[in-house]
Amino acid sequence: MNTTLKPLTPPAIRQAMQTLEGWKRRGGSIARTFQFKDFIEAMKYVNRIARAAEKARHHPDVDIRWNRVTLTLTTHDAGGLTAKDFALAALCNQLAMSPR
């Protein structure tokens, strides 16, 4: 378990969830499905996410289904949701709106 990143408390998670459009809590993780025009646009988005995740040193689980991309975030080495998950989720929302 990572001792430098502590899991957020349930009240902190509820508060952070209110700031994230489209994300749902799934147990110890948060997830959102993004829909795009077609497979190519979905893959372009995944590539933008890959670059951002690498820079943040925090990597979502990615599920690609034709024009839909589902991202799931949790901080495995901290044993739950941390501020890092919510920061990357907010960035993923921004990247979904950026020019393709």
PDB file of N, CA and C in Angstrom:
ATOM      1  N   MET A   1       0.846  -1.183   0.000  1.00  0.00           N
ATOM      2  CA  MET A   1       0.000   0.000   0.000  1.00  0.00           C
ATOM      3  C   MET A   1       0.889   1.244   0.000  1.00  0.00           C
ATOM      4  N   ASN A   2       0.550   2.182  -0.807  1.00  0.00           N
ATOM      5  CA  ASN A   2       1.295   3.437  -0.892  1.00  0.00           C
ATOM      6  C   ASN A   2       0.932   4.304   0.314  1.00  0.00           C
ATOM      7  N   THR A   3       1.923   4.667   1.100  1.00  0.00           N
ATOM      8  CA  THR A   3       1.643   5.469   2.287  1.00  0.00           C
ATOM      9  C   THR A   3       1.621   6.961   1.986  1.00  0.00           C
ATOM     10  N   THR A   4       2.101   7.385   0.824  1.00  0.00           N
ATOM     11  CA  THR A   4       2.090   8.807   0.503  1.00  0.00           C
ATOM     12  C   THR A   4       0.736   9.257  -0.042  1.00  0.00           C
ATOM     13  N   LEU A   5      -0.009   8.343  -0.627  1.00  0.00           N
ATOM     14  CA  LEU A   5      -1.355   8.654  -1.109  1.00  0.00           C
ATOM     15  C   LEU A   5      -2.350   7.927  -0.222  1.00  0.00           C
ATOM     16  N   LYS A   6      -3.189   8.694   0.433  1.00  0.00           N
ATOM     17  CA  LYS A   6      -4.170   8.080   1.317  1.00  0.00           C
ATOM     18  C   LYS A   6      -5.536   8.073   0.631  1.00  0.00           C
ATOM     19  N   PRO A   7      -6.273   6.980   0.803  1.00  0.00           N
ATOM     20  CA  PRO A   7      -7.628   6.953   0.242  1.00  0.00           C
ATOM     21  C   PRO A   7      -8.476   8.079   0.839  1.00  0.00           C
ATOM     22  N   LEU A   8      -9.338   8.628   0.020  1.00  0.00           N
ATOM     23  CA  LEU A   8     -10.244   9.673   0.491  1.00  0.00           C
ATOM     24  C   LEU A   8     -11.313   9.079   1.390  1.00  0.00           C
ATOM     25  N   THR A   9     -11.823   9.892   2.285  1.00  0.00           N
ATOM     26  CA  THR A   9     -12.912   9.461   3.158  1.00  0.00           C
ATOM     27  C   THR A   9     -14.216   9.443   2.356  1.00  0.00           C
ATOM     28  N   PRO A  10     -15.215   8.690   2.807  1.00  0.00           N
ATOM     29  CA  PRO A  10     -16.504   8.695   2.088  1.00  0.00           C
ATOM     30  C   PRO A  10     -17.085  10.092   1.874  1.00  0.00           C
ATOM     31  N   PRO A  11     -17.063  11.000   2.884  1.00  0.00           N
ATOM     32  CA  PRO A  11     -17.580  12.346   2.611  1.00  0.00           C
ATOM     33  C   PRO A  11     -16.761  13.092   1.550  1.00  0.00           C
ATOM     34  N   ALA A  12     -15.451  12.913   1.562  1.00  0.00           N
ATOM     35  CA  ALA A  12     -14.607  13.572   0.561  1.00  0.00           C
ATOM     36  C   ALA A  12     -14.891  13.012  -0.829  1.00  0.00           C
ATOM     37  N   ILE A  13     -15.147  11.721  -0.917  1.00  0.00           N
ATOM     38  CA  ILE A  13     -15.488  11.104  -2.210  1.00  0.00           C
ATOM     39  C   ILE A  13     -16.812  11.662  -2.717  1.00  0.00           C
ATOM     40  N   ARG A  14     -17.814  11.728  -1.839  1.00  0.00           N
ATOM     41  CA  ARG A  14     -19.117  12.277  -2.258  1.00  0.00           C
ATOM     42  C   ARG A  14     -18.968  13.711  -2.760  1.00  0.00           C
ATOM     43  N   GLN A  15     -18.183  14.515  -2.063  1.00  0.00           N
ATOM     44  CA  GLN A  15     -17.969  15.902  -2.475  1.00  0.00           C
ATOM     45  C   GLN A  15     -17.249  15.963  -3.822  1.00  0.00           C
ATOM     46  N   ALA A  16     -16.225  15.148  -4.001  1.00  0.00           N
ATOM     47  CA  ALA A  16     -15.474  15.144  -5.267  1.00  0.00           C
ATOM     48  C   ALA A  16     -16.356  14.668  -6.419  1.00  0.00           C
ATOM     49  N   MET A  17     -17.238  13.716  -6.163  1.00  0.00           N
ATOM     50  CA  MET A  17     -18.123  13.210  -7.222  1.00  0.00           C
ATOM     51  C   MET A  17     -19.039  14.303  -7.748  1.00  0.00           C
ATOM     52  N   GLN A  18     -19.392  15.241  -6.910  1.00  0.00           N
ATOM     53  CA  GLN A  18     -20.282  16.323  -7.335  1.00  0.00           C
ATOM     54  C   GLN A  18     -19.611  17.247  -8.341  1.00  0.00           C
ATOM     55  N   THR A  19     -18.300  17.209  -8.425  1.00  0.00           N
ATOM     56  CA  THR A  19     -17.575  18.084  -9.342  1.00  0.00           C
ATOM     57  C   THR A  19     -17.310  17.419 -10.691  1.00  0.00           C
ATOM     58  N   LEU A  20     -17.642  16.130 -10.818  1.00  0.00           N
ATOM     59  CA  LEU A  20     -17.322  15.384 -12.040  1.00  0.00           C
ATOM     60  C   LEU A  20     -18.573  15.018 -12.822  1.00  0.00           C
ATOM     61  N   GLU A  21     -18.740  15.631 -13.956  1.00  0.00           N
ATOM     62  CA  GLU A  21     -19.889  15.324 -14.799  1.00  0.00           C
ATOM     63  C   GLU A  21     -19.729  13.946 -15.435  1.00  0.00           C
ATOM     64  N   GLY A  22     -20.766  13.120 -15.304  1.00  0.00           N
ATOM     65  CA  GLY A  22     -20.829  11.844 -16.014  1.00  0.00           C
ATOM     66  C   GLY A  22     -20.161  10.659 -15.349  1.00  0.00           C
ATOM     67  N   TRP A  23     -19.418  10.870 -14.285  1.00  0.00           N
ATOM     68  CA  TRP A  23     -18.714   9.771 -13.628  1.00  0.00           C
ATOM     69  C   TRP A  23     -19.616   9.139 -12.581  1.00  0.00           C
ATOM     70  N   LYS A  24     -19.485   7.822 -12.424  1.00  0.00           N
ATOM     71  CA  LYS A  24     -20.256   7.057 -11.440  1.00  0.00           C
ATOM     72  C   LYS A  24     -19.289   6.302 -10.536  1.00  0.00           C
ATOM     73  N   ARG A  25     -19.675   6.156  -9.311  1.00  0.00           N
ATOM     74  CA  ARG A  25     -18.864   5.374  -8.384  1.00  0.00           C
ATOM     75  C   ARG A  25     -19.231   3.904  -8.535  1.00  0.00           C
ATOM     76  N   ARG A  26     -18.205   3.088  -8.598  1.00  0.00           N
ATOM     77  CA  ARG A  26     -18.375   1.631  -8.671  1.00  0.00           C
ATOM     78  C   ARG A  26     -17.494   1.019  -7.587  1.00  0.00           C
ATOM     79  N   GLY A  27     -18.037   0.917  -6.387  1.00  0.00           N
ATOM     80  CA  GLY A  27     -17.254   0.387  -5.278  1.00  0.00           C
ATOM     81  C   GLY A  27     -16.072   1.286  -4.993  1.00  0.00           C
ATOM     82  N   GLY A  28     -14.860   0.733  -5.108  1.00  0.00           N
ATOM     83  CA  GLY A  28     -13.649   1.476  -4.833  1.00  0.00           C
ATOM     84  C   GLY A  28     -13.068   2.182  -6.039  1.00  0.00           C
ATOM     85  N   SER A  29     -13.888   2.404  -7.068  1.00  0.00           N
ATOM     86  CA  SER A  29     -13.411   3.078  -8.270  1.00  0.00           C
ATOM     87  C   SER A  29     -14.489   4.025  -8.792  1.00  0.00           C
ATOM     88  N   ILE A  30     -14.084   4.829  -9.774  1.00  0.00           N
ATOM     89  CA  ILE A  30     -15.030   5.687 -10.492  1.00  0.00           C
ATOM     90  C   ILE A  30     -14.893   5.363 -11.973  1.00  0.00           C
ATOM     91  N   ALA A  31     -15.999   5.494 -12.709  1.00  0.00           N
ATOM     92  CA  ALA A  31     -15.982   5.138 -14.131  1.00  0.00           C
ATOM     93  C   ALA A  31     -16.900   6.060 -14.923  1.00  0.00           C
ATOM     94  N   ARG A  32     -16.543   6.203 -16.189  1.00  0.00           N
ATOM     95  CA  ARG A  32     -17.385   6.957 -17.115  1.00  0.00           C
ATOM     96  C   ARG A  32     -17.205   6.393 -18.516  1.00  0.00           C
ATOM     97  N   THR A  33     -18.293   6.362 -19.261  1.00  0.00           N
ATOM     98  CA  THR A  33     -18.253   5.963 -20.663  1.00  0.00           C
ATOM     99  C   THR A  33     -18.431   7.197 -21.525  1.00  0.00           C
ATOM    100  N   PHE A  34     -17.506   7.366 -22.465  1.00  0.00           N
ATOM    101  CA  PHE A  34     -17.538   8.462 -23.426  1.00  0.00           C
ATOM    102  C   PHE A  34     -17.927   7.883 -24.778  1.00  0.00           C
ATOM    103  N   GLN A  35     -18.782   8.576 -25.512  1.00  0.00           N
ATOM    104  CA  GLN A  35     -19.202   8.106 -26.834  1.00  0.00           C
ATOM    105  C   GLN A  35     -18.728   9.084 -27.900  1.00  0.00           C
ATOM    106  N   PHE A  36     -18.232   8.525 -29.007  1.00  0.00           N
ATOM    107  CA  PHE A  36     -17.684   9.320 -30.094  1.00  0.00           C
ATOM    108  C   PHE A  36     -18.375   8.970 -31.409  1.00  0.00           C
ATOM    109  N   LYS A  37     -18.047   9.724 -32.435  1.00  0.00           N
ATOM    110  CA  LYS A  37     -18.667   9.554 -33.747  1.00  0.00           C
ATOM    111  C   LYS A  37     -18.422   8.155 -34.312  1.00  0.00           C
ATOM    112  N   ASP A  38     -17.196   7.666 -34.149  1.00  0.00           N
ATOM    113  CA  ASP A  38     -16.835   6.364 -34.712  1.00  0.00           C
ATOM    114  C   ASP A  38     -15.609   5.816 -33.992  1.00  0.00           C
ATOM    115  N   PHE A  39     -15.127   4.686 -34.445  1.00  0.00           N
ATOM    116  CA  PHE A  39     -13.983   4.016 -33.832  1.00  0.00           C
ATOM    117  C   PHE A  39     -12.726   4.877 -33.886  1.00  0.00           C
ATOM    118  N   ILE A  40     -12.488   5.521 -35.014  1.00  0.00           N
ATOM    119  CA  ILE A  40     -11.287   6.350 -35.166  1.00  0.00           C
ATOM    120  C   ILE A  40     -11.276   7.477 -34.139  1.00  0.00           C
ATOM    121  N   GLU A  41     -12.409   8.151 -33.951  1.00  0.00           N
ATOM    122  CA  GLU A  41     -12.475   9.237 -32.964  1.00  0.00           C
ATOM    123  C   GLU A  41     -12.281   8.696 -31.549  1.00  0.00           C
ATOM    124  N   ALA A  42     -12.829   7.530 -31.272  1.00  0.00           N
ATOM    125  CA  ALA A  42     -12.636   6.904 -29.957  1.00  0.00           C
ATOM    126  C   ALA A  42     -11.158   6.610 -29.718  1.00  0.00           C
ATOM    127  N   MET A  43     -10.473   6.119 -30.742  1.00  0.00           N
ATOM    128  CA  MET A  43      -9.050   5.799 -30.597  1.00  0.00           C
ATOM    129  C   MET A  43      -8.207   7.070 -30.445  1.00  0.00           C
ATOM    130  N   LYS A  44      -8.589   8.128 -31.126  1.00  0.00           N
ATOM    131  CA  LYS A  44      -7.870   9.397 -30.949  1.00  0.00           C
ATOM    132  C   LYS A  44      -7.979   9.856 -29.499  1.00  0.00           C
ATOM    133  N   TYR A  45      -9.166   9.703 -28.929  1.00  0.00           N
ATOM    134  CA  TYR A  45      -9.374  10.074 -27.527  1.00  0.00           C
ATOM    135  C   TYR A  45      -8.507   9.203 -26.606  1.00  0.00           C
ATOM    136  N   VAL A  46      -8.495   7.908 -26.854  1.00  0.00           N
ATOM    137  CA  VAL A  46      -7.688   7.008 -26.034  1.00  0.00           C
ATOM    138  C   VAL A  46      -6.214   7.405 -26.096  1.00  0.00           C
ATOM    139  N   ASN A  47      -5.748   7.805 -27.251  1.00  0.00           N
ATOM    140  CA  ASN A  47      -4.356   8.240 -27.372  1.00  0.00           C
ATOM    141  C   ASN A  47      -4.094   9.521 -26.580  1.00  0.00           C
ATOM    142  N   ARG A  48      -5.064  10.438 -26.564  1.00  0.00           N
ATOM    143  CA  ARG A  48      -4.906  11.652 -25.746  1.00  0.00           C
ATOM    144  C   ARG A  48      -4.863  11.278 -24.260  1.00  0.00           C
ATOM    145  N   ILE A  49      -5.708  10.344 -23.876  1.00  0.00           N
ATOM    146  CA  ILE A  49      -5.735   9.871 -22.489  1.00  0.00           C
ATOM    147  C   ILE A  49      -4.418   9.192 -22.136  1.00  0.00           C
ATOM    148  N   ALA A  50      -3.892   8.402 -23.043  1.00  0.00           N
ATOM    149  CA  ALA A  50      -2.632   7.686 -22.776  1.00  0.00           C
ATOM    150  C   ALA A  50      -1.504   8.672 -22.479  1.00  0.00           C
ATOM    151  N   ARG A  51      -1.419   9.732 -23.265  1.00  0.00           N
ATOM    152  CA  ARG A  51      -0.364  10.734 -23.040  1.00  0.00           C
ATOM    153  C   ARG A  51      -0.559  11.433 -21.687  1.00  0.00           C
ATOM    154  N   ALA A  52      -1.787  11.797 -21.376  1.00  0.00           N
ATOM    155  CA  ALA A  52      -2.072  12.482 -20.107  1.00  0.00           C
ATOM    156  C   ALA A  52      -1.822  11.554 -18.918  1.00  0.00           C
ATOM    157  N   ALA A  53      -2.214  10.308 -19.047  1.00  0.00           N
ATOM    158  CA  ALA A  53      -2.031   9.342 -17.964  1.00  0.00           C
ATOM    159  C   ALA A  53      -0.550   9.081 -17.708  1.00  0.00           C
ATOM    160  N   GLU A  54       0.205   8.988 -18.774  1.00  0.00           N
ATOM    161  CA  GLU A  54       1.646   8.756 -18.631  1.00  0.00           C
ATOM    162  C   GLU A  54       2.301   9.951 -17.928  1.00  0.00           C
ATOM    163  N   LYS A  55       1.901  11.141 -18.314  1.00  0.00           N
ATOM    164  CA  LYS A  55       2.447  12.348 -17.688  1.00  0.00           C
ATOM    165  C   LYS A  55       2.081  12.404 -16.201  1.00  0.00           C
ATOM    166  N   ALA A  56       0.856  11.996 -15.871  1.00  0.00           N
ATOM    167  CA  ALA A  56       0.383  12.010 -14.489  1.00  0.00           C
ATOM    168  C   ALA A  56       0.889  10.803 -13.690  1.00  0.00           C
ATOM    169  N   ARG A  57       1.468   9.842 -14.392  1.00  0.00           N
ATOM    170  CA  ARG A  57       1.910   8.588 -13.765  1.00  0.00           C
ATOM    171  C   ARG A  57       0.751   7.910 -13.033  1.00  0.00           C
ATOM    172  N   HIS A  58      -0.392   7.936 -13.703  1.00  0.00           N
ATOM    173  CA  HIS A  58      -1.615   7.339 -13.157  1.00  0.00           C
ATOM    174  C   HIS A  58      -2.422   6.845 -14.345  1.00  0.00           C
ATOM    175  N   HIS A  59      -2.723   5.574 -14.386  1.00  0.00           N
ATOM    176  CA  HIS A  59      -3.262   4.957 -15.594  1.00  0.00           C
ATOM    177  C   HIS A  59      -4.645   4.354 -15.360  1.00  0.00           C
ATOM    178  N   PRO A  60      -5.625   4.781 -16.143  1.00  0.00           N
ATOM    179  CA  PRO A  60      -6.971   4.210 -16.013  1.00  0.00           C
ATOM    180  C   PRO A  60      -7.047   2.844 -16.683  1.00  0.00           C
ATOM    181  N   ASP A  61      -8.022   2.058 -16.257  1.00  0.00           N
ATOM    182  CA  ASP A  61      -8.393   0.873 -17.024  1.00  0.00           C
ATOM    183  C   ASP A  61      -9.218   1.404 -18.191  1.00  0.00           C
ATOM    184  N   VAL A  62      -8.962   0.890 -19.389  1.00  0.00           N
ATOM    185  CA  VAL A  62      -9.611   1.388 -20.599  1.00  0.00           C
ATOM    186  C   VAL A  62     -10.316   0.237 -21.298  1.00  0.00           C
ATOM    187  N   ASP A  63     -11.598   0.427 -21.569  1.00  0.00           N
ATOM    188  CA  ASP A  63     -12.387  -0.549 -22.317  1.00  0.00           C
ATOM    189  C   ASP A  63     -12.919   0.151 -23.563  1.00  0.00           C
ATOM    190  N   ILE A  64     -12.563  -0.377 -24.736  1.00  0.00           N
ATOM    191  CA  ILE A  64     -12.973   0.241 -26.001  1.00  0.00           C
ATOM    192  C   ILE A  64     -13.986  -0.667 -26.679  1.00  0.00           C
ATOM    193  N   ARG A  65     -15.126  -0.120 -27.013  1.00  0.00           N
ATOM    194  CA  ARG A  65     -16.188  -0.839 -27.729  1.00  0.00           C
ATOM    195  C   ARG A  65     -16.649   0.034 -28.882  1.00  0.00           C
ATOM    196  N   TRP A  66     -16.085  -0.182 -30.042  1.00  0.00           N
ATOM    197  CA  TRP A  66     -16.329   0.589 -31.259  1.00  0.00           C
ATOM    198  C   TRP A  66     -16.221   2.084 -30.996  1.00  0.00           C
ATOM    199  N   ASN A  67     -17.351   2.788 -30.772  1.00  0.00           N
ATOM    200  CA  ASN A  67     -17.279   4.238 -30.596  1.00  0.00           C
ATOM    201  C   ASN A  67     -17.403   4.657 -29.135  1.00  0.00           C
ATOM    202  N   ARG A  68     -17.339   3.693 -28.226  1.00  0.00           N
ATOM    203  CA  ARG A  68     -17.455   3.992 -26.797  1.00  0.00           C
ATOM    204  C   ARG A  68     -16.172   3.609 -26.064  1.00  0.00           C
ATOM    205  N   VAL A  69     -15.765   4.493 -25.179  1.00  0.00           N
ATOM    206  CA  VAL A  69     -14.571   4.275 -24.357  1.00  0.00           C
ATOM    207  C   VAL A  69     -14.992   4.415 -22.899  1.00  0.00           C
ATOM    208  N   THR A  70     -14.795   3.353 -22.135  1.00  0.00           N
ATOM    209  CA  THR A  70     -15.083   3.402 -20.699  1.00  0.00           C
ATOM    210  C   THR A  70     -13.765   3.453 -19.948  1.00  0.00           C
ATOM    211  N   LEU A  71     -13.644   4.458 -19.091  1.00  0.00           N
ATOM    212  CA  LEU A  71     -12.459   4.619 -18.253  1.00  0.00           C
ATOM    213  C   LEU A  71     -12.844   4.310 -16.811  1.00  0.00           C
ATOM    214  N   THR A  72     -11.998   3.570 -16.137  1.00  0.00           N
ATOM    215  CA  THR A  72     -12.196   3.258 -14.726  1.00  0.00           C
ATOM    216  C   THR A  72     -10.936   3.659 -13.981  1.00  0.00           C
ATOM    217  N   LEU A  73     -11.116   4.388 -12.910  1.00  0.00           N
ATOM    218  CA  LEU A  73      -9.993   4.899 -12.126  1.00  0.00           C
ATOM    219  C   LEU A  73     -10.080   4.466 -10.670  1.00  0.00           C
ATOM    220  N   THR A  74      -8.958   4.072 -10.129  1.00  0.00           N
ATOM    221  CA  THR A  74      -8.756   3.837  -8.705  1.00  0.00           C
ATOM    222  C   THR A  74      -7.255   3.881  -8.481  1.00  0.00           C
ATOM    223  N   THR A  75      -6.839   4.143  -7.273  1.00  0.00           N
ATOM    224  CA  THR A  75      -5.418   4.133  -6.966  1.00  0.00           C
ATOM    225  C   THR A  75      -5.121   2.818  -6.258  1.00  0.00           C
ATOM    226  N   HIS A  76      -4.751   1.820  -7.051  1.00  0.00           N
ATOM    227  CA  HIS A  76      -4.554   0.465  -6.528  1.00  0.00           C
ATOM    228  C   HIS A  76      -3.572   0.433  -5.366  1.00  0.00           C
ATOM    229  N   ASP A  77      -2.438   1.123  -5.519  1.00  0.00           N
ATOM    230  CA  ASP A  77      -1.420   1.026  -4.474  1.00  0.00           C
ATOM    231  C   ASP A  77      -1.780   1.804  -3.214  1.00  0.00           C
ATOM    232  N   ALA A  78      -2.845   2.596  -3.255  1.00  0.00           N
ATOM    233  CA  ALA A  78      -3.325   3.282  -2.050  1.00  0.00           C
ATOM    234  C   ALA A  78      -4.526   2.560  -1.466  1.00  0.00           C
ATOM    235  N   GLY A  79      -5.052   1.596  -2.193  1.00  0.00           N
ATOM    236  CA  GLY A  79      -6.184   0.819  -1.691  1.00  0.00           C
ATOM    237  C   GLY A  79      -7.529   1.504  -1.812  1.00  0.00           C
ATOM    238  N   GLY A  80      -7.682   2.432  -2.744  1.00  0.00           N
ATOM    239  CA  GLY A  80      -8.974   3.095  -2.937  1.00  0.00           C
ATOM    240  C   GLY A  80      -8.843   4.363  -3.742  1.00  0.00           C
ATOM    241  N   LEU A  81      -9.872   5.164  -3.677  1.00  0.00           N
ATOM    242  CA  LEU A  81      -9.915   6.415  -4.428  1.00  0.00           C
ATOM    243  C   LEU A  81      -9.096   7.497  -3.726  1.00  0.00           C
ATOM    244  N   THR A  82      -8.306   8.196  -4.523  1.00  0.00           N
ATOM    245  CA  THR A  82      -7.493   9.293  -3.997  1.00  0.00           C
ATOM    246  C   THR A  82      -7.739  10.540  -4.847  1.00  0.00           C
ATOM    247  N   ALA A  83      -7.135  11.631  -4.420  1.00  0.00           N
ATOM    248  CA  ALA A  83      -7.243  12.881  -5.179  1.00  0.00           C
ATOM    249  C   ALA A  83      -6.714  12.700  -6.595  1.00  0.00           C
ATOM    250  N   LYS A  84      -5.756  11.805  -6.777  1.00  0.00           N
ATOM    251  CA  LYS A  84      -5.176  11.551  -8.096  1.00  0.00           C
ATOM    252  C   LYS A  84      -6.243  11.045  -9.081  1.00  0.00           C
ATOM    253  N   ASP A  85      -7.154  10.212  -8.595  1.00  0.00           N
ATOM    254  CA  ASP A  85      -8.222   9.692  -9.460  1.00  0.00           C
ATOM    255  C   ASP A  85      -9.136  10.812  -9.936  1.00  0.00           C
ATOM    256  N   PHE A  86      -9.493  11.692  -9.037  1.00  0.00           N
ATOM    257  CA  PHE A  86     -10.413  12.776  -9.397  1.00  0.00           C
ATOM    258  C   PHE A  86      -9.744  13.813 -10.294  1.00  0.00           C
ATOM    259  N   ALA A  87      -8.466  14.042 -10.088  1.00  0.00           N
ATOM    260  CA  ALA A  87      -7.743  14.968 -10.970  1.00  0.00           C
ATOM    261  C   ALA A  87      -7.669  14.405 -12.389  1.00  0.00           C
ATOM    262  N   LEU A  88      -7.365  13.116 -12.523  1.00  0.00           N
ATOM    263  CA  LEU A  88      -7.287  12.534 -13.861  1.00  0.00           C
ATOM    264  C   LEU A  88      -8.671  12.441 -14.502  1.00  0.00           C
ATOM    265  N   ALA A  89      -9.688  12.150 -13.720  1.00  0.00           N
ATOM    266  CA  ALA A  89     -11.053  12.109 -14.255  1.00  0.00           C
ATOM    267  C   ALA A  89     -11.454  13.468 -14.823  1.00  0.00           C
ATOM    268  N   ALA A  90     -11.137  14.533 -14.108  1.00  0.00           N
ATOM    269  CA  ALA A  90     -11.455  15.881 -14.600  1.00  0.00           C
ATOM    270  C   ALA A  90     -10.701  16.163 -15.897  1.00  0.00           C
ATOM    271  N   LEU A  91      -9.452  15.741 -15.972  1.00  0.00           N
ATOM    272  CA  LEU A  91      -8.669  15.929 -17.195  1.00  0.00           C
ATOM    273  C   LEU A  91      -9.260  15.114 -18.348  1.00  0.00           C
ATOM    274  N   CYS A  92      -9.716  13.909 -18.064  1.00  0.00           N
ATOM    275  CA  CYS A  92     -10.346  13.070 -19.101  1.00  0.00           C
ATOM    276  C   CYS A  92     -11.596  13.751 -19.651  1.00  0.00           C
ATOM    277  N   ASN A  93     -12.365  14.383 -18.779  1.00  0.00           N
ATOM    278  CA  ASN A  93     -13.536  15.138 -19.237  1.00  0.00           C
ATOM    279  C   ASN A  93     -13.114  16.271 -20.166  1.00  0.00           C
ATOM    280  N   GLN A  94     -12.065  17.005 -19.785  1.00  0.00           N
ATOM    281  CA  GLN A  94     -11.586  18.104 -20.626  1.00  0.00           C
ATOM    282  C   GLN A  94     -11.108  17.587 -21.980  1.00  0.00           C
ATOM    283  N   LEU A  95     -10.373  16.483 -21.969  1.00  0.00           N
ATOM    284  CA  LEU A  95      -9.835  15.945 -23.210  1.00  0.00           C
ATOM    285  C   LEU A  95     -10.926  15.433 -24.150  1.00  0.00           C
ATOM    286  N   ALA A  96     -12.042  15.019 -23.580  1.00  0.00           N
ATOM    287  CA  ALA A  96     -13.166  14.575 -24.420  1.00  0.00           C
ATOM    288  C   ALA A  96     -13.784  15.736 -25.174  1.00  0.00           C
ATOM    289  N   MET A  97     -13.619  16.947 -24.651  1.00  0.00           N
ATOM    290  CA  MET A  97     -14.196  18.128 -25.282  1.00  0.00           C
ATOM    291  C   MET A  97     -13.215  18.830 -26.203  1.00  0.00           C
ATOM    292  N   SER A  98     -11.941  18.430 -26.153  1.00  0.00           N
ATOM    293  CA  SER A  98     -10.925  19.120 -26.966  1.00  0.00           C
ATOM    294  C   SER A  98     -11.059  18.730 -28.430  1.00  0.00           C
ATOM    295  N   PRO A  99     -10.560  19.564 -29.320  1.00  0.00           N
ATOM    296  CA  PRO A  99     -10.637  19.266 -30.760  1.00  0.00           C
ATOM    297  C   PRO A  99      -9.962  17.941 -31.070  1.00  0.00           C
ATOM    298  N   ARG A 100     -10.569  17.247 -31.983  1.00  0.00           N
ATOM    299  CA  ARG A 100     -10.056  15.915 -32.312  1.00  0.00           C
ATOM    300  C   ARG A 100      -9.088  16.013 -33.436  1.00  0.00           C
TER     301      ARG A 100
END
